Protein backbone atom coordinates (compact mmCIF):
# COMPACT_ATOMS: atom_id res chain seq x y z
CA UNK A 1 9.55 1.68 7.76
CA UNK A 2 9.01 2.06 4.02
CA UNK A 3 8.92 -0.74 1.49
CA UNK A 4 8.26 -0.99 -2.23
CA UNK A 5 6.13 -3.99 -3.15
CA UNK A 6 5.39 -4.57 -6.84
CA UNK A 7 5.84 -0.85 -7.53
CA UNK A 8 3.62 0.21 -4.64
CA UNK A 9 5.13 2.11 -1.74
CA UNK A 10 4.01 0.82 1.64
CA UNK A 11 4.61 2.62 4.91
CA UNK A 12 4.22 0.58 8.08
CA UNK A 13 4.12 1.72 11.69
CA UNK A 14 1.64 4.10 13.30
CA UNK A 15 0.37 4.96 9.84
CA UNK A 16 0.19 2.64 6.86
CA UNK A 17 -0.39 4.19 3.43
CA UNK A 18 -0.57 2.39 0.13
CA UNK A 19 0.22 4.68 -2.78
CA UNK A 20 -0.22 3.69 -6.41
CA UNK A 21 2.48 4.57 -8.96
CA UNK A 22 0.35 7.51 -10.16
CA UNK A 23 0.48 8.98 -6.64
CA UNK A 24 -3.09 8.21 -5.64
CA UNK A 25 -3.74 6.75 -2.21
CA UNK A 26 -5.24 3.27 -2.35
CA UNK A 27 -5.73 2.82 1.38
CA UNK A 28 -4.92 4.68 4.57
CA UNK A 29 -4.82 2.95 7.95
CA UNK A 30 -4.07 3.99 11.49
CA UNK A 31 -2.26 0.73 12.16
CA UNK A 32 -0.32 -1.83 10.17
CA UNK A 33 -2.47 -3.98 7.89
CA UNK A 34 -1.01 -6.76 5.75
CA UNK A 35 -0.86 -5.43 2.20
CA UNK A 36 -2.59 -8.54 0.85
CA UNK A 37 -5.83 -7.41 2.47
CA UNK A 38 -5.82 -3.87 1.09
CA UNK A 39 -4.59 -4.24 -2.50
CA UNK A 40 -7.61 -5.00 -4.67
CA UNK A 41 -5.40 -4.55 -7.74
CA UNK A 42 -2.99 -7.28 -6.67
CA UNK A 43 -2.53 -9.72 -9.53
CA UNK A 44 -4.04 -7.16 -11.91
CA UNK A 45 -1.22 -4.72 -12.78
CA UNK A 46 -2.22 -1.27 -14.02
């Protein structure tokens, strides 16, 4: 599954990747992790 949350693409499933609008990977996980715990920029838009 793929979602877009506040401009950030989030893939959930076996692999969860959080990609910033500039294409850089913020976090890469082997299992689903709630995006609130892996978005240090949340509330501080770039």
